[in-house]
Amino acid sequence: MFEKYDRAVSLYMDNMKRNELSENSISSYARTYRMLRESMERSGAEDIGVEAVMRFKLDTDVKITTMALYLTHIRCLSSFAVACGIVDKPFFLDTLMPPKKKLNVERNKPYEHVLTDEDAEALITCDKPKFGRRSSKWLREKAEVTMLLQSGLRNSEIRSLRLCDLDWGNGVAYPQDTKGDKPRAVVFSEASQKAVREYLESGLRPSWVSDDDWLFGSVNAQGGWNPMSRIELSERIKHYTKAVLGEEKSCRSHAARHCYASVLLENDVPMELISETMGHSSVATTKIYAARFSVNAPAMAVANVFNRKEAQ
């Protein structure tokens, strides 16, 4: 069952890897194709077809923008399968895509996870869990959250960050797995340095792990040092924010990136500089962020701990 579909997915994923797409992109596509296959199994489909994709669209309860992303992944797979001769005709029709007007309306909705001044300060300064979170991994999660809040790093960027990428003397970090392979430097503040130092001293990152290895990871069953997956990091951030702020204010890694941007916006940092430090391809992307922030977005709580050379 699903012979053509499985073959198309296998070849397409191999093609993505050969083209050196980012780990984050490959993981996102793979998740979509896994969900589509599970939908086909539930519906009793014999193999991939337009009807199977339509059923997936009807049965998957996500926001319209998320569904548009899923369908874009499926459209790419459909074109690839036809080009390779795996299927005779496309199993995706452009009419399945949501109308662009509706997508634009969805993008203009206020961002749901805007952290307040008090939230940001609590996440950075909290010394122990408040709501039942086990403390065994606490220092690692605190270091991850503090760096995300004060550097503007993406999920993929902090996962690929190595210990040797940290310039402690100048308070700068150099992420490697940047979007579009665009090199940049980000803030490695005093608070971030303190949190990372406590994490390293805790032994959660074994002393035998090389400086050229990932800063944040975990020891696997074979005793090796494993990198995090995108979902694993997001879940860590969710657990930490829930433990500090409570269930209603728990959020994932991207909320910290919004927080970082809001600090700069509220402190009148030029839009072009914000765009550069966040690794955006254009200022237009940064303006989308700006439109989503509330007036009470975090400012002084985080801004006061950003390093400034002239204050040293």
C-alpha atoms as a PDB file:
ATOM      1  CA  MET A   1       0.000   0.000   0.000  1.00  0.00           C
ATOM      2  CA  PHE A   2       1.139   3.547  -0.813  1.00  0.00           C
ATOM      3  CA  GLU A   3       3.978   2.220  -2.963  1.00  0.00           C
ATOM      4  CA  LYS A   4       4.024   5.206  -5.325  1.00  0.00           C
ATOM      5  CA  TYR A   5       3.658   7.708  -2.501  1.00  0.00           C
ATOM      6  CA  ASP A   6       6.440   6.202  -0.400  1.00  0.00           C
ATOM      7  CA  ARG A   7       8.745   6.039  -3.403  1.00  0.00           C
ATOM      8  CA  ALA A   8       8.073   9.675  -4.301  1.00  0.00           C
ATOM      9  CA  VAL A   9       8.668  10.847  -0.729  1.00  0.00           C
ATOM     10  CA  SER A  10      11.884   8.830  -0.394  1.00  0.00           C
ATOM     11  CA  LEU A  11      13.351  10.171  -3.634  1.00  0.00           C
ATOM     12  CA  TYR A  12      12.242  13.750  -2.960  1.00  0.00           C
ATOM     13  CA  MET A  13      13.738  13.798   0.538  1.00  0.00           C
ATOM     14  CA  ASP A  14      17.015  12.399  -0.836  1.00  0.00           C
ATOM     15  CA  ASN A  15      16.964  15.139  -3.477  1.00  0.00           C
ATOM     16  CA  MET A  16      16.478  17.820  -0.805  1.00  0.00           C
ATOM     17  CA  LYS A  17      19.463  16.498   1.143  1.00  0.00           C
ATOM     18  CA  ARG A  18      21.661  16.424  -1.958  1.00  0.00           C
ATOM     19  CA  ASN A  19      20.680  20.025  -2.644  1.00  0.00           C
ATOM     20  CA  GLU A  20      21.869  20.839   0.898  1.00  0.00           C
ATOM     21  CA  LEU A  21      18.613  22.309   2.140  1.00  0.00           C
ATOM     22  CA  SER A  22      18.668  23.221   5.813  1.00  0.00           C
ATOM     23  CA  GLU A  23      17.898  20.614   8.441  1.00  0.00           C
ATOM     24  CA  ASN A  24      14.948  22.723   9.532  1.00  0.00           C
ATOM     25  CA  SER A  25      13.400  22.734   6.036  1.00  0.00           C
ATOM     26  CA  ILE A  26      13.894  19.005   5.547  1.00  0.00           C
ATOM     27  CA  SER A  27      12.297  18.292   8.922  1.00  0.00           C
ATOM     28  CA  SER A  28       9.308  20.481   8.048  1.00  0.00           C
ATOM     29  CA  TYR A  29       8.707  18.749   4.707  1.00  0.00           C
ATOM     30  CA  ALA A  30       9.112  15.298   6.271  1.00  0.00           C
ATOM     31  CA  ARG A  31       6.534  16.119   8.930  1.00  0.00           C
ATOM     32  CA  THR A  32       3.990  17.168   6.280  1.00  0.00           C
ATOM     33  CA  TYR A  33       4.502  13.980   4.277  1.00  0.00           C
ATOM     34  CA  ARG A  34       4.191  11.852   7.413  1.00  0.00           C
ATOM     35  CA  MET A  35       0.911  13.571   8.316  1.00  0.00           C
ATOM     36  CA  LEU A  36      -0.421  13.061   4.778  1.00  0.00           C
ATOM     37  CA  ARG A  37       0.407   9.367   4.910  1.00  0.00           C
ATOM     38  CA  GLU A  38      -1.342   8.993   8.267  1.00  0.00           C
ATOM     39  CA  SER A  39      -4.390  10.727   6.792  1.00  0.00           C
ATOM     40  CA  MET A  40      -4.383   8.289   3.858  1.00  0.00           C
ATOM     41  CA  GLU A  41      -4.237   5.359   6.274  1.00  0.00           C
ATOM     42  CA  ARG A  42      -7.196   6.668   8.269  1.00  0.00           C
ATOM     43  CA  SER A  43      -9.297   7.297   5.159  1.00  0.00           C
ATOM     44  CA  GLY A  44      -8.540   3.891   3.623  1.00  0.00           C
ATOM     45  CA  ALA A  45      -6.941   5.311   0.468  1.00  0.00           C
ATOM     46  CA  GLU A  46      -5.078   2.841  -1.734  1.00  0.00           C
ATOM     47  CA  ASP A  47      -2.413   5.343  -2.790  1.00  0.00           C
ATOM     48  CA  ILE A  48      -1.841   9.050  -3.361  1.00  0.00           C
ATOM     49  CA  GLY A  49      -4.300  11.032  -5.460  1.00  0.00           C
ATOM     50  CA  VAL A  50      -6.199  14.320  -5.545  1.00  0.00           C
ATOM     51  CA  GLU A  51      -8.929  12.836  -3.361  1.00  0.00           C
ATOM     52  CA  ALA A  52      -6.384  11.827  -0.710  1.00  0.00           C
ATOM     53  CA  VAL A  53      -4.970  15.362  -0.612  1.00  0.00           C
ATOM     54  CA  MET A  54      -8.482  16.824  -0.393  1.00  0.00           C
ATOM     55  CA  ARG A  55      -9.295  14.506   2.508  1.00  0.00           C
ATOM     56  CA  PHE A  56      -6.081  15.571   4.249  1.00  0.00           C
ATOM     57  CA  LYS A  57      -7.051  19.222   3.858  1.00  0.00           C
ATOM     58  CA  LEU A  58     -10.548  18.653   5.242  1.00  0.00           C
ATOM     59  CA  ASP A  59      -9.482  16.491   8.177  1.00  0.00           C
ATOM     60  CA  THR A  60      -6.441  18.472   9.386  1.00  0.00           C
ATOM     61  CA  ASP A  61      -7.486  21.135  11.887  1.00  0.00           C
ATOM     62  CA  VAL A  62      -4.842  23.886  11.649  1.00  0.00           C
ATOM     63  CA  LYS A  63      -4.763  27.595  10.880  1.00  0.00           C
ATOM     64  CA  ILE A  64      -5.128  28.642   7.261  1.00  0.00           C
ATOM     65  CA  THR A  65      -1.495  29.782   7.046  1.00  0.00           C
ATOM     66  CA  THR A  66      -0.256  26.436   8.372  1.00  0.00           C
ATOM     67  CA  MET A  67      -2.436  24.542   5.903  1.00  0.00           C
ATOM     68  CA  ALA A  68      -1.056  26.712   3.091  1.00  0.00           C
ATOM     69  CA  LEU A  69       2.456  25.616   4.114  1.00  0.00           C
ATOM     70  CA  TYR A  70       1.439  21.932   4.158  1.00  0.00           C
ATOM     71  CA  LEU A  71      -0.159  22.227   0.728  1.00  0.00           C
ATOM     72  CA  THR A  72       2.917  23.960  -0.668  1.00  0.00           C
ATOM     73  CA  HIS A  73       4.998  20.977   0.464  1.00  0.00           C
ATOM     74  CA  ILE A  74       2.540  18.574  -1.165  1.00  0.00           C
ATOM     75  CA  ARG A  75       2.487  20.573  -4.409  1.00  0.00           C
ATOM     76  CA  CYS A  76       6.293  20.299  -4.607  1.00  0.00           C
ATOM     77  CA  LEU A  77       6.090  16.538  -4.076  1.00  0.00           C
ATOM     78  CA  SER A  78       3.379  16.200  -6.735  1.00  0.00           C
ATOM     79  CA  SER A  79       5.433  18.037  -9.373  1.00  0.00           C
ATOM     80  CA  PHE A  80       8.496  15.970  -8.489  1.00  0.00           C
ATOM     81  CA  ALA A  81       6.587  12.672  -8.709  1.00  0.00           C
ATOM     82  CA  VAL A  82       5.265  13.561 -12.181  1.00  0.00           C
ATOM     83  CA  ALA A  83       8.694  14.652 -13.410  1.00  0.00           C
ATOM     84  CA  CYS A  84      10.226  11.373 -12.221  1.00  0.00           C
ATOM     85  CA  GLY A  85       7.482   9.293 -13.830  1.00  0.00           C
ATOM     86  CA  ILE A  86       6.316   7.869 -10.510  1.00  0.00           C
ATOM     87  CA  VAL A  87       2.745   9.041 -11.181  1.00  0.00           C
ATOM     88  CA  ASP A  88       1.081   9.780 -14.504  1.00  0.00           C
ATOM     89  CA  LYS A  89      -0.697  12.942 -13.445  1.00  0.00           C
ATOM     90  CA  PRO A  90      -0.396  15.447 -10.576  1.00  0.00           C
ATOM     91  CA  PHE A  91      -2.138  14.587  -7.325  1.00  0.00           C
ATOM     92  CA  PHE A  92      -2.256  18.263  -6.389  1.00  0.00           C
ATOM     93  CA  LEU A  93      -4.451  20.947  -7.942  1.00  0.00           C
ATOM     94  CA  ASP A  94      -3.780  24.651  -7.477  1.00  0.00           C
ATOM     95  CA  THR A  95      -7.442  25.124  -6.578  1.00  0.00           C
ATOM     96  CA  LEU A  96      -6.692  23.343  -3.296  1.00  0.00           C
ATOM     97  CA  MET A  97      -4.614  26.305  -2.094  1.00  0.00           C
ATOM     98  CA  PRO A  98      -6.393  28.802   0.194  1.00  0.00           C
ATOM     99  CA  PRO A  99      -7.249  32.148  -1.434  1.00  0.00           C
ATOM    100  CA  LYS A 100      -4.410  34.651  -1.070  1.00  0.00           C
ATOM    101  CA  LYS A 101      -6.725  37.320   0.297  1.00  0.00           C
ATOM    102  CA  LYS A 102      -7.575  35.140   3.282  1.00  0.00           C
ATOM    103  CA  LEU A 103      -3.909  34.431   3.878  1.00  0.00           C
ATOM    104  CA  ASN A 104      -3.170  38.151   4.031  1.00  0.00           C
ATOM    105  CA  VAL A 105      -5.921  38.664   6.597  1.00  0.00           C
ATOM    106  CA  GLU A 106      -4.480  35.854   8.728  1.00  0.00           C
ATOM    107  CA  ARG A 107      -0.986  37.349   8.674  1.00  0.00           C
ATOM    108  CA  ASN A 108      -2.271  40.634  10.011  1.00  0.00           C
ATOM    109  CA  LYS A 109      -3.686  39.050  13.170  1.00  0.00           C
ATOM    110  CA  PRO A 110      -1.966  40.185  16.400  1.00  0.00           C
ATOM    111  CA  TYR A 111       0.784  37.852  17.561  1.00  0.00           C
ATOM    112  CA  GLU A 112      -0.580  35.740  20.407  1.00  0.00           C
ATOM    113  CA  HIS A 113       2.556  35.275  22.494  1.00  0.00           C
ATOM    114  CA  VAL A 114       3.791  38.781  23.299  1.00  0.00           C
ATOM    115  CA  LEU A 115       5.722  38.633  26.555  1.00  0.00           C
ATOM    116  CA  THR A 116       5.352  41.456  29.057  1.00  0.00           C
ATOM    117  CA  ASP A 117       8.178  43.208  30.882  1.00  0.00           C
ATOM    118  CA  GLU A 118       7.516  41.080  33.947  1.00  0.00           C
ATOM    119  CA  ASP A 119       7.418  37.853  31.921  1.00  0.00           C
ATOM    120  CA  ALA A 120      10.767  38.507  30.267  1.00  0.00           C
ATOM    121  CA  GLU A 121      12.437  39.456  33.531  1.00  0.00           C
ATOM    122  CA  ALA A 122      11.031  36.389  35.304  1.00  0.00           C
ATOM    123  CA  LEU A 123      12.304  34.045  32.578  1.00  0.00           C
ATOM    124  CA  ILE A 124      15.814  35.500  32.774  1.00  0.00           C
ATOM    125  CA  THR A 125      16.146  35.778  36.571  1.00  0.00           C
ATOM    126  CA  CYS A 126      14.218  32.757  37.877  1.00  0.00           C
ATOM    127  CA  ASP A 127      16.439  30.504  40.020  1.00  0.00           C
ATOM    128  CA  LYS A 128      14.225  27.433  40.293  1.00  0.00           C
ATOM    129  CA  PRO A 129      10.937  26.010  38.927  1.00  0.00           C
ATOM    130  CA  LYS A 130       7.737  27.469  40.343  1.00  0.00           C
ATOM    131  CA  PHE A 131       5.083  25.177  38.905  1.00  0.00           C
ATOM    132  CA  GLY A 132       6.306  21.623  39.356  1.00  0.00           C
ATOM    133  CA  ARG A 133       8.965  21.414  36.638  1.00  0.00           C
ATOM    134  CA  ARG A 134      11.754  18.973  37.523  1.00  0.00           C
ATOM    135  CA  SER A 135      14.991  20.836  38.145  1.00  0.00           C
ATOM    136  CA  SER A 136      17.348  18.256  36.565  1.00  0.00           C
ATOM    137  CA  LYS A 137      17.510  20.081  33.220  1.00  0.00           C
ATOM    138  CA  TRP A 138      16.616  23.503  34.553  1.00  0.00           C
ATOM    139  CA  LEU A 139      19.942  25.273  33.994  1.00  0.00           C
ATOM    140  CA  ARG A 140      20.132  24.105  30.382  1.00  0.00           C
ATOM    141  CA  GLU A 141      16.626  25.351  29.638  1.00  0.00           C
ATOM    142  CA  LYS A 142      17.287  28.656  31.391  1.00  0.00           C
ATOM    143  CA  ALA A 143      20.423  29.188  29.304  1.00  0.00           C
ATOM    144  CA  GLU A 144      18.525  28.401  26.093  1.00  0.00           C
ATOM    145  CA  VAL A 145      15.669  30.772  26.938  1.00  0.00           C
ATOM    146  CA  THR A 146      17.972  33.590  28.061  1.00  0.00           C
ATOM    147  CA  MET A 147      19.999  33.382  24.858  1.00  0.00           C
ATOM    148  CA  LEU A 148      16.865  33.302  22.705  1.00  0.00           C
ATOM    149  CA  LEU A 149      15.421  36.341  24.467  1.00  0.00           C
ATOM    150  CA  GLN A 150      18.594  38.385  24.155  1.00  0.00           C
ATOM    151  CA  SER A 151      20.049  37.338  20.809  1.00  0.00           C
ATOM    152  CA  GLY A 152      17.114  37.018  18.389  1.00  0.00           C
ATOM    153  CA  LEU A 153      18.361  33.596  17.258  1.00  0.00           C
ATOM    154  CA  ARG A 154      16.094  31.272  15.314  1.00  0.00           C
ATOM    155  CA  ASN A 155      15.310  27.754  16.518  1.00  0.00           C
ATOM    156  CA  SER A 156      17.721  26.228  13.978  1.00  0.00           C
ATOM    157  CA  GLU A 157      20.448  28.741  14.800  1.00  0.00           C
ATOM    158  CA  ILE A 158      20.619  28.088  18.526  1.00  0.00           C
ATOM    159  CA  ARG A 159      20.483  24.329  17.910  1.00  0.00           C
ATOM    160  CA  SER A 160      23.538  24.499  15.650  1.00  0.00           C
ATOM    161  CA  LEU A 161      25.437  26.914  17.921  1.00  0.00           C
ATOM    162  CA  ARG A 162      28.775  25.530  19.107  1.00  0.00           C
ATOM    163  CA  LEU A 163      30.750  26.429  22.200  1.00  0.00           C
ATOM    164  CA  CYS A 164      33.543  27.759  19.971  1.00  0.00           C
ATOM    165  CA  ASP A 165      31.052  30.188  18.360  1.00  0.00           C
ATOM    166  CA  LEU A 166      30.839  32.201  21.598  1.00  0.00           C
ATOM    167  CA  ASP A 167      33.131  35.217  21.968  1.00  0.00           C
ATOM    168  CA  TRP A 168      33.013  35.778  25.718  1.00  0.00           C
ATOM    169  CA  GLY A 169      35.363  38.747  25.739  1.00  0.00           C
ATOM    170  CA  ASN A 170      33.443  40.825  23.215  1.00  0.00           C
ATOM    171  CA  GLY A 171      29.970  39.568  24.147  1.00  0.00           C
ATOM    172  CA  VAL A 172      29.178  38.241  20.673  1.00  0.00           C
ATOM    173  CA  ALA A 173      27.966  34.895  19.282  1.00  0.00           C
ATOM    174  CA  TYR A 174      28.332  33.737  15.683  1.00  0.00           C
ATOM    175  CA  PRO A 175      25.494  31.395  14.620  1.00  0.00           C
ATOM    176  CA  GLN A 176      26.349  28.907  11.871  1.00  0.00           C
ATOM    177  CA  ASP A 177      23.097  27.475  10.452  1.00  0.00           C
ATOM    178  CA  THR A 178      21.679  30.847   9.401  1.00  0.00           C
ATOM    179  CA  LYS A 179      18.809  31.292   6.992  1.00  0.00           C
ATOM    180  CA  GLY A 180      20.191  31.692   3.477  1.00  0.00           C
ATOM    181  CA  ASP A 181      23.681  31.055   4.909  1.00  0.00           C
ATOM    182  CA  LYS A 182      23.886  34.753   5.712  1.00  0.00           C
ATOM    183  CA  PRO A 183      26.729  35.324   8.234  1.00  0.00           C
ATOM    184  CA  ARG A 184      25.981  37.541  11.198  1.00  0.00           C
ATOM    185  CA  ALA A 185      26.898  38.233  14.808  1.00  0.00           C
ATOM    186  CA  VAL A 186      24.390  38.423  17.679  1.00  0.00           C
ATOM    187  CA  VAL A 187      24.464  39.700  21.248  1.00  0.00           C
ATOM    188  CA  PHE A 188      25.949  37.372  23.869  1.00  0.00           C
ATOM    189  CA  SER A 189      24.951  39.446  26.894  1.00  0.00           C
ATOM    190  CA  GLU A 190      26.195  39.254  30.474  1.00  0.00           C
ATOM    191  CA  ALA A 191      22.973  37.541  31.531  1.00  0.00           C
ATOM    192  CA  SER A 192      23.360  35.020  28.712  1.00  0.00           C
ATOM    193  CA  GLN A 193      26.994  34.419  29.640  1.00  0.00           C
ATOM    194  CA  LYS A 194      26.033  33.846  33.277  1.00  0.00           C
ATOM    195  CA  ALA A 195      23.264  31.402  32.314  1.00  0.00           C
ATOM    196  CA  VAL A 196      25.503  29.484  29.869  1.00  0.00           C
ATOM    197  CA  ARG A 197      28.349  29.354  32.395  1.00  0.00           C
ATOM    198  CA  GLU A 198      26.027  27.882  35.059  1.00  0.00           C
ATOM    199  CA  TYR A 199      24.766  25.353  32.535  1.00  0.00           C
ATOM    200  CA  LEU A 200      28.312  24.297  31.615  1.00  0.00           C
ATOM    201  CA  GLU A 201      29.338  24.025  35.266  1.00  0.00           C
ATOM    202  CA  SER A 202      26.304  21.832  36.019  1.00  0.00           C
ATOM    203  CA  GLY A 203      27.716  18.919  34.016  1.00  0.00           C
ATOM    204  CA  LEU A 204      24.626  18.701  31.788  1.00  0.00           C
ATOM    205  CA  ARG A 205      27.056  19.203  28.924  1.00  0.00           C
ATOM    206  CA  PRO A 206      29.806  16.665  29.740  1.00  0.00           C
ATOM    207  CA  SER A 207      33.363  17.947  29.918  1.00  0.00           C
ATOM    208  CA  TRP A 208      34.447  15.427  27.267  1.00  0.00           C
ATOM    209  CA  VAL A 209      32.268  17.113  24.611  1.00  0.00           C
ATOM    210  CA  SER A 210      34.447  19.107  22.191  1.00  0.00           C
ATOM    211  CA  ASP A 211      34.213  22.885  21.889  1.00  0.00           C
ATOM    212  CA  ASP A 212      33.466  22.265  18.212  1.00  0.00           C
ATOM    213  CA  ASP A 213      30.304  20.341  19.152  1.00  0.00           C
ATOM    214  CA  TRP A 214      26.829  21.725  19.759  1.00  0.00           C
ATOM    215  CA  LEU A 215      26.457  23.946  22.794  1.00  0.00           C
ATOM    216  CA  PHE A 216      23.040  22.518  23.646  1.00  0.00           C
ATOM    217  CA  GLY A 217      22.321  18.826  23.203  1.00  0.00           C
ATOM    218  CA  SER A 218      21.878  15.600  25.142  1.00  0.00           C
ATOM    219  CA  VAL A 219      23.753  12.371  25.803  1.00  0.00           C
ATOM    220  CA  ASN A 220      22.354   9.460  23.793  1.00  0.00           C
ATOM    221  CA  ALA A 221      22.100   5.786  24.782  1.00  0.00           C
ATOM    222  CA  GLN A 222      25.497   5.046  23.247  1.00  0.00           C
ATOM    223  CA  GLY A 223      27.150   7.779  25.277  1.00  0.00           C
ATOM    224  CA  GLY A 224      27.494  10.237  22.397  1.00  0.00           C
ATOM    225  CA  TRP A 225      26.486  13.897  22.253  1.00  0.00           C
ATOM    226  CA  ASN A 226      23.327  14.412  20.194  1.00  0.00           C
ATOM    227  CA  PRO A 227      22.049  17.697  18.721  1.00  0.00           C
ATOM    228  CA  MET A 228      18.480  18.772  19.417  1.00  0.00           C
ATOM    229  CA  SER A 229      15.633  18.529  16.941  1.00  0.00           C
ATOM    230  CA  ARG A 230      13.488  21.568  16.166  1.00  0.00           C
ATOM    231  CA  ILE A 231      10.541  20.099  18.070  1.00  0.00           C
ATOM    232  CA  GLU A 232      12.714  19.108  21.030  1.00  0.00           C
ATOM    233  CA  LEU A 233      13.955  22.659  21.523  1.00  0.00           C
ATOM    234  CA  SER A 234      10.459  24.111  21.194  1.00  0.00           C
ATOM    235  CA  GLU A 235       9.175  21.655  23.785  1.00  0.00           C
ATOM    236  CA  ARG A 236      12.013  22.571  26.145  1.00  0.00           C
ATOM    237  CA  ILE A 237      11.140  26.248  25.841  1.00  0.00           C
ATOM    238  CA  LYS A 238       7.462  25.471  26.362  1.00  0.00           C
ATOM    239  CA  HIS A 239       8.242  23.489  29.543  1.00  0.00           C
ATOM    240  CA  TYR A 240      10.469  26.234  30.914  1.00  0.00           C
ATOM    241  CA  THR A 241       8.052  29.091  30.229  1.00  0.00           C
ATOM    242  CA  LYS A 242       5.200  27.036  31.689  1.00  0.00           C
ATOM    243  CA  ALA A 243       7.217  26.319  34.838  1.00  0.00           C
ATOM    244  CA  VAL A 244       8.046  30.013  35.330  1.00  0.00           C
ATOM    245  CA  LEU A 245       4.951  31.798  34.012  1.00  0.00           C
ATOM    246  CA  GLY A 246       2.208  29.174  34.211  1.00  0.00           C
ATOM    247  CA  GLU A 247       0.196  27.251  31.627  1.00  0.00           C
ATOM    248  CA  GLU A 248      -1.564  30.235  30.032  1.00  0.00           C
ATOM    249  CA  LYS A 249       1.663  32.049  29.179  1.00  0.00           C
ATOM    250  CA  SER A 250       3.722  29.057  28.048  1.00  0.00           C
ATOM    251  CA  CYS A 251       5.194  29.561  24.578  1.00  0.00           C
ATOM    252  CA  ARG A 252       7.767  28.129  22.201  1.00  0.00           C
ATOM    253  CA  SER A 253      11.075  29.376  20.835  1.00  0.00           C
ATOM    254  CA  HIS A 254       9.752  31.834  18.238  1.00  0.00           C
ATOM    255  CA  ALA A 255       8.019  33.926  20.915  1.00  0.00           C
ATOM    256  CA  ALA A 256      11.456  34.753  22.340  1.00  0.00           C
ATOM    257  CA  ARG A 257      12.567  35.992  18.919  1.00  0.00           C
ATOM    258  CA  HIS A 258       9.549  38.311  18.830  1.00  0.00           C
ATOM    259  CA  CYS A 259      10.470  39.500  22.310  1.00  0.00           C
ATOM    260  CA  TYR A 260      13.991  40.344  21.191  1.00  0.00           C
ATOM    261  CA  ALA A 261      12.697  42.344  18.231  1.00  0.00           C
ATOM    262  CA  SER A 262      10.212  44.219  20.381  1.00  0.00           C
ATOM    263  CA  VAL A 263      12.980  45.356  22.743  1.00  0.00           C
ATOM    264  CA  LEU A 264      14.834  46.953  19.858  1.00  0.00           C
ATOM    265  CA  LEU A 265      11.687  48.499  18.371  1.00  0.00           C
ATOM    266  CA  GLU A 266      10.564  49.971  21.675  1.00  0.00           C
ATOM    267  CA  ASN A 267      14.015  51.499  22.125  1.00  0.00           C
ATOM    268  CA  ASP A 268      13.946  53.215  18.719  1.00  0.00           C
ATOM    269  CA  VAL A 269      16.627  51.071  17.083  1.00  0.00           C
ATOM    270  CA  PRO A 270      16.515  51.695  13.293  1.00  0.00           C
ATOM    271  CA  MET A 271      14.494  49.138  11.356  1.00  0.00           C
ATOM    272  CA  GLU A 272      17.434  48.411   9.043  1.00  0.00           C
ATOM    273  CA  LEU A 273      19.659  47.490  11.990  1.00  0.00           C
ATOM    274  CA  ILE A 274      16.970  45.255  13.504  1.00  0.00           C
ATOM    275  CA  SER A 275      16.578  43.518  10.158  1.00  0.00           C
ATOM    276  CA  GLU A 276      20.329  42.920   9.984  1.00  0.00           C
ATOM    277  CA  THR A 277      20.709  41.580  13.511  1.00  0.00           C
ATOM    278  CA  MET A 278      17.746  39.222  13.069  1.00  0.00           C
ATOM    279  CA  GLY A 279      19.037  37.906   9.769  1.00  0.00           C
ATOM    280  CA  HIS A 280      16.016  38.999   7.741  1.00  0.00           C
ATOM    281  CA  SER A 281      16.393  39.002   3.969  1.00  0.00           C
ATOM    282  CA  SER A 282      14.672  42.386   3.745  1.00  0.00           C
ATOM    283  CA  VAL A 283      13.335  45.175   5.953  1.00  0.00           C
ATOM    284  CA  ALA A 284       9.837  44.251   4.733  1.00  0.00           C
ATOM    285  CA  THR A 285       9.972  41.096   6.863  1.00  0.00           C
ATOM    286  CA  THR A 286      10.956  43.108   9.920  1.00  0.00           C
ATOM    287  CA  LYS A 287       8.020  45.463   9.358  1.00  0.00           C
ATOM    288  CA  ILE A 288       5.669  42.488   9.563  1.00  0.00           C
ATOM    289  CA  TYR A 289       7.097  41.769  13.018  1.00  0.00           C
ATOM    290  CA  ALA A 290       6.698  45.395  14.028  1.00  0.00           C
ATOM    291  CA  ALA A 291       3.027  45.438  13.099  1.00  0.00           C
ATOM    292  CA  ARG A 292       2.326  42.550  15.481  1.00  0.00           C
ATOM    293  CA  PHE A 293       3.724  43.985  18.699  1.00  0.00           C
ATOM    294  CA  SER A 294       1.582  45.594  21.352  1.00  0.00           C
ATOM    295  CA  VAL A 295       2.510  48.937  22.880  1.00  0.00           C
ATOM    296  CA  ASN A 296       3.336  47.140  26.131  1.00  0.00           C
ATOM    297  CA  ALA A 297       5.823  44.728  24.550  1.00  0.00           C
ATOM    298  CA  PRO A 298       8.879  44.001  26.725  1.00  0.00           C
ATOM    299  CA  ALA A 299      11.426  46.765  26.668  1.00  0.00           C
ATOM    300  CA  MET A 300      13.399  47.802  29.711  1.00  0.00           C
ATOM    301  CA  ALA A 301      13.407  44.406  31.428  1.00  0.00           C
ATOM    302  CA  VAL A 302      15.555  42.863  28.725  1.00  0.00           C
ATOM    303  CA  ALA A 303      17.170  45.999  27.312  1.00  0.00           C
ATOM    304  CA  ASN A 304      18.782  46.819  30.651  1.00  0.00           C
ATOM    305  CA  VAL A 305      20.807  43.615  30.588  1.00  0.00           C
ATOM    306  CA  PHE A 306      22.039  43.963  27.002  1.00  0.00           C
ATOM    307  CA  ASN A 307      25.763  44.574  26.995  1.00  0.00           C
ATOM    308  CA  ARG A 308      27.074  47.970  25.967  1.00  0.00           C
ATOM    309  CA  LYS A 309      30.819  48.350  25.566  1.00  0.00           C
ATOM    310  CA  GLU A 310      30.788  51.952  26.725  1.00  0.00           C
ATOM    311  CA  ALA A 311      29.249  50.916  30.053  1.00  0.00           C
ATOM    312  CA  GLN A 312      32.110  48.552  30.878  1.00  0.00           C
END
